[in-house]
Amino acid sequence: MAQRKHLDDFLRGRIIGQLECGHTQLEVSEELGIAQSVISRLWQRFPDDGNVSRCYSFGRPRVTTPNENRYLAVTAKRNRRSTVSDLSRQLSSATGTTVSRQTVYRRLEHIGLYACRPVRCVPLTATHCRL
């Protein structure tokens, strides 16, 4: 399997610049040693506003902004006993952004924090207790 390598903004700019100057995708591909399909995809995703750094987005856009991620981190650090459900509710009431427990868990895990998981106490029934 071929190794995937992300293109940096400078290289993307060179590619777009050469295409705008009239070079063909095949010429650019051969000159830079990049697959023609990558050149084609980059050209198709190039936005009308000319911002090269945003023309190659992967997957789904994030639900939370960097500021909201910082808010989650600060809130989790202030109260170490907060659960992900608590943090999700606090973020929703503070910013209006509703996120799942799993999203909060991933954001905290990404920065090296781990939220408490609620402990569920299951009462014993007569079938479980034999004396």
C-alpha atoms as a PDB file:
ATOM      1  CA  MET A   1       0.000   0.000   0.000  1.00  0.00           C
ATOM      2  CA  ALA A   2       1.346   3.402  -0.935  1.00  0.00           C
ATOM      3  CA  GLN A   3       2.291   5.795   1.825  1.00  0.00           C
ATOM      4  CA  ARG A   4       0.078   8.878   2.049  1.00  0.00           C
ATOM      5  CA  LYS A   5       1.787  12.225   2.409  1.00  0.00           C
ATOM      6  CA  HIS A   6      -0.089  15.444   3.056  1.00  0.00           C
ATOM      7  CA  LEU A   7       0.719  18.428   0.895  1.00  0.00           C
ATOM      8  CA  ASP A   8       1.787  21.544   2.751  1.00  0.00           C
ATOM      9  CA  ASP A   9       0.365  24.973   1.910  1.00  0.00           C
ATOM     10  CA  PHE A  10       3.470  25.995  -0.054  1.00  0.00           C
ATOM     11  CA  LEU A  11       3.301  22.981  -2.362  1.00  0.00           C
ATOM     12  CA  ARG A  12      -0.451  23.422  -2.833  1.00  0.00           C
ATOM     13  CA  GLY A  13       0.205  27.046  -3.765  1.00  0.00           C
ATOM     14  CA  ARG A  14       2.811  25.993  -6.340  1.00  0.00           C
ATOM     15  CA  ILE A  15       0.396  23.498  -7.871  1.00  0.00           C
ATOM     16  CA  ILE A  16      -2.480  25.985  -8.069  1.00  0.00           C
ATOM     17  CA  GLY A  17      -0.127  28.676  -9.416  1.00  0.00           C
ATOM     18  CA  GLN A  18       1.118  26.441 -12.203  1.00  0.00           C
ATOM     19  CA  LEU A  19      -2.417  25.410 -13.126  1.00  0.00           C
ATOM     20  CA  GLU A  20      -3.532  29.052 -13.187  1.00  0.00           C
ATOM     21  CA  CYS A  21      -0.596  29.849 -15.492  1.00  0.00           C
ATOM     22  CA  GLY A  22      -1.921  27.376 -18.036  1.00  0.00           C
ATOM     23  CA  HIS A  23       0.110  24.245 -17.335  1.00  0.00           C
ATOM     24  CA  THR A  24      -1.800  20.996 -17.671  1.00  0.00           C
ATOM     25  CA  GLN A  25      -2.429  18.740 -14.687  1.00  0.00           C
ATOM     26  CA  LEU A  26      -0.228  16.086 -16.288  1.00  0.00           C
ATOM     27  CA  GLU A  27       2.685  18.541 -16.691  1.00  0.00           C
ATOM     28  CA  VAL A  28       2.421  19.656 -13.066  1.00  0.00           C
ATOM     29  CA  SER A  29       2.136  16.050 -11.925  1.00  0.00           C
ATOM     30  CA  GLU A  30       5.292  14.991 -13.750  1.00  0.00           C
ATOM     31  CA  GLU A  31       7.287  18.042 -12.689  1.00  0.00           C
ATOM     32  CA  LEU A  32       6.492  17.718  -8.978  1.00  0.00           C
ATOM     33  CA  GLY A  33       6.305  13.931  -8.796  1.00  0.00           C
ATOM     34  CA  ILE A  34       2.741  13.893  -7.499  1.00  0.00           C
ATOM     35  CA  ALA A  35      -0.036  11.686  -8.846  1.00  0.00           C
ATOM     36  CA  GLN A  36      -2.246  13.374 -11.405  1.00  0.00           C
ATOM     37  CA  SER A  37      -5.356  12.352  -9.431  1.00  0.00           C
ATOM     38  CA  VAL A  38      -4.085  14.370  -6.446  1.00  0.00           C
ATOM     39  CA  ILE A  39      -3.536  17.408  -8.678  1.00  0.00           C
ATOM     40  CA  SER A  40      -7.020  17.005 -10.133  1.00  0.00           C
ATOM     41  CA  ARG A  41      -8.667  16.707  -6.709  1.00  0.00           C
ATOM     42  CA  LEU A  42      -6.807  19.762  -5.441  1.00  0.00           C
ATOM     43  CA  TRP A  43      -7.889  21.802  -8.464  1.00  0.00           C
ATOM     44  CA  GLN A  44     -11.516  20.736  -8.058  1.00  0.00           C
ATOM     45  CA  ARG A  45     -11.533  21.710  -4.378  1.00  0.00           C
ATOM     46  CA  PHE A  46      -9.795  25.023  -4.885  1.00  0.00           C
ATOM     47  CA  PRO A  47     -12.284  27.618  -3.602  1.00  0.00           C
ATOM     48  CA  ASP A  48     -13.318  30.719  -5.473  1.00  0.00           C
ATOM     49  CA  ASP A  49     -11.825  33.021  -2.824  1.00  0.00           C
ATOM     50  CA  GLY A  50      -8.306  31.783  -3.615  1.00  0.00           C
ATOM     51  CA  ASN A  51      -7.377  30.512  -0.156  1.00  0.00           C
ATOM     52  CA  VAL A  52      -5.058  27.562  -0.771  1.00  0.00           C
ATOM     53  CA  SER A  53      -4.909  26.425   2.856  1.00  0.00           C
ATOM     54  CA  ARG A  54      -8.643  25.690   2.953  1.00  0.00           C
ATOM     55  CA  CYS A  55      -8.950  23.928  -0.390  1.00  0.00           C
ATOM     56  CA  TYR A  56      -8.071  20.501   0.906  1.00  0.00           C
ATOM     57  CA  SER A  57     -10.448  19.699   3.713  1.00  0.00           C
ATOM     58  CA  PHE A  58     -10.840  16.113   4.833  1.00  0.00           C
ATOM     59  CA  GLY A  59     -13.996  14.554   6.135  1.00  0.00           C
ATOM     60  CA  ARG A  60     -16.658  16.215   8.140  1.00  0.00           C
ATOM     61  CA  PRO A  61     -16.261  19.719   9.585  1.00  0.00           C
ATOM     62  CA  ARG A  62     -15.754  19.887  13.346  1.00  0.00           C
ATOM     63  CA  VAL A  63     -18.733  20.631  15.558  1.00  0.00           C
ATOM     64  CA  THR A  64     -16.691  22.535  18.120  1.00  0.00           C
ATOM     65  CA  THR A  65     -14.454  25.523  17.588  1.00  0.00           C
ATOM     66  CA  PRO A  66     -10.981  25.824  19.128  1.00  0.00           C
ATOM     67  CA  ASN A  67     -12.433  28.239  21.712  1.00  0.00           C
ATOM     68  CA  GLU A  68     -15.084  25.709  22.694  1.00  0.00           C
ATOM     69  CA  ASN A  69     -12.409  23.032  22.997  1.00  0.00           C
ATOM     70  CA  ARG A  70     -10.465  25.328  25.344  1.00  0.00           C
ATOM     71  CA  TYR A  71     -13.647  25.942  27.328  1.00  0.00           C
ATOM     72  CA  LEU A  72     -14.073  22.182  27.757  1.00  0.00           C
ATOM     73  CA  ALA A  73     -10.467  21.813  28.889  1.00  0.00           C
ATOM     74  CA  VAL A  74     -10.683  24.648  31.420  1.00  0.00           C
ATOM     75  CA  THR A  75     -14.002  23.396  32.770  1.00  0.00           C
ATOM     76  CA  ALA A  76     -12.676  19.848  33.095  1.00  0.00           C
ATOM     77  CA  LYS A  77      -9.559  21.075  34.908  1.00  0.00           C
ATOM     78  CA  ARG A  78     -11.585  23.208  37.331  1.00  0.00           C
ATOM     79  CA  ASN A  79     -13.763  20.323  38.380  1.00  0.00           C
ATOM     80  CA  ARG A  80     -11.900  17.045  38.055  1.00  0.00           C
ATOM     81  CA  ARG A  81     -14.999  15.066  39.065  1.00  0.00           C
ATOM     82  CA  SER A  82     -17.058  16.272  36.102  1.00  0.00           C
ATOM     83  CA  THR A  83     -18.401  13.578  33.828  1.00  0.00           C
ATOM     84  CA  VAL A  84     -18.529  13.923  30.063  1.00  0.00           C
ATOM     85  CA  SER A  85     -22.296  14.331  30.332  1.00  0.00           C
ATOM     86  CA  ASP A  86     -21.819  17.226  32.773  1.00  0.00           C
ATOM     87  CA  LEU A  87     -19.279  18.869  30.480  1.00  0.00           C
ATOM     88  CA  SER A  88     -21.527  18.431  27.462  1.00  0.00           C
ATOM     89  CA  ARG A  89     -24.417  20.125  29.304  1.00  0.00           C
ATOM     90  CA  GLN A  90     -22.162  22.954  30.523  1.00  0.00           C
ATOM     91  CA  LEU A  91     -20.862  23.598  27.007  1.00  0.00           C
ATOM     92  CA  SER A  92     -24.397  23.622  25.653  1.00  0.00           C
ATOM     93  CA  SER A  93     -25.630  26.112  28.249  1.00  0.00           C
ATOM     94  CA  ALA A  94     -22.565  28.362  27.873  1.00  0.00           C
ATOM     95  CA  THR A  95     -22.225  28.479  24.089  1.00  0.00           C
ATOM     96  CA  GLY A  96     -25.395  26.961  22.662  1.00  0.00           C
ATOM     97  CA  THR A  97     -23.388  24.259  20.880  1.00  0.00           C
ATOM     98  CA  THR A  98     -24.824  20.806  21.500  1.00  0.00           C
ATOM     99  CA  VAL A  99     -22.293  17.995  21.324  1.00  0.00           C
ATOM    100  CA  SER A 100     -22.449  14.332  22.232  1.00  0.00           C
ATOM    101  CA  ARG A 101     -20.710  12.756  25.196  1.00  0.00           C
ATOM    102  CA  GLN A 102     -18.396  10.945  22.791  1.00  0.00           C
ATOM    103  CA  THR A 103     -17.318  14.227  21.181  1.00  0.00           C
ATOM    104  CA  VAL A 104     -16.484  15.725  24.584  1.00  0.00           C
ATOM    105  CA  TYR A 105     -14.584  12.572  25.497  1.00  0.00           C
ATOM    106  CA  ARG A 106     -12.532  12.762  22.263  1.00  0.00           C
ATOM    107  CA  ARG A 107     -11.728  16.460  22.708  1.00  0.00           C
ATOM    108  CA  LEU A 108     -10.482  15.880  26.247  1.00  0.00           C
ATOM    109  CA  GLU A 109      -8.557  12.764  25.293  1.00  0.00           C
ATOM    110  CA  HIS A 110      -6.845  14.699  22.484  1.00  0.00           C
ATOM    111  CA  ILE A 111      -5.321  17.128  25.002  1.00  0.00           C
ATOM    112  CA  GLY A 112      -4.492  14.421  27.541  1.00  0.00           C
ATOM    113  CA  LEU A 113      -7.419  14.850  29.934  1.00  0.00           C
ATOM    114  CA  TYR A 114      -9.864  12.159  30.897  1.00  0.00           C
ATOM    115  CA  ALA A 115     -13.301  12.872  32.313  1.00  0.00           C
ATOM    116  CA  CYS A 116     -14.792  10.788  35.089  1.00  0.00           C
ATOM    117  CA  ARG A 117     -17.213   8.128  34.082  1.00  0.00           C
ATOM    118  CA  PRO A 118     -20.334   7.901  36.206  1.00  0.00           C
ATOM    119  CA  VAL A 119     -20.494   4.864  38.454  1.00  0.00           C
ATOM    120  CA  ARG A 120     -23.679   2.900  38.146  1.00  0.00           C
ATOM    121  CA  CYS A 121     -24.753   1.076  41.260  1.00  0.00           C
ATOM    122  CA  VAL A 122     -26.909  -1.909  40.481  1.00  0.00           C
ATOM    123  CA  PRO A 123     -29.049  -3.017  43.406  1.00  0.00           C
ATOM    124  CA  LEU A 124     -28.895  -6.691  44.203  1.00  0.00           C
ATOM    125  CA  THR A 125     -32.091  -8.640  43.740  1.00  0.00           C
ATOM    126  CA  ALA A 126     -33.220 -11.790  45.460  1.00  0.00           C
ATOM    127  CA  THR A 127     -31.978 -13.899  42.540  1.00  0.00           C
ATOM    128  CA  HIS A 128     -28.441 -12.578  42.929  1.00  0.00           C
ATOM    129  CA  CYS A 129     -28.190 -12.987  46.689  1.00  0.00           C
ATOM    130  CA  ARG A 130     -28.196 -16.510  48.019  1.00  0.00           C
ATOM    131  CA  LEU A 131     -27.605 -16.861  51.698  1.00  0.00           C
END
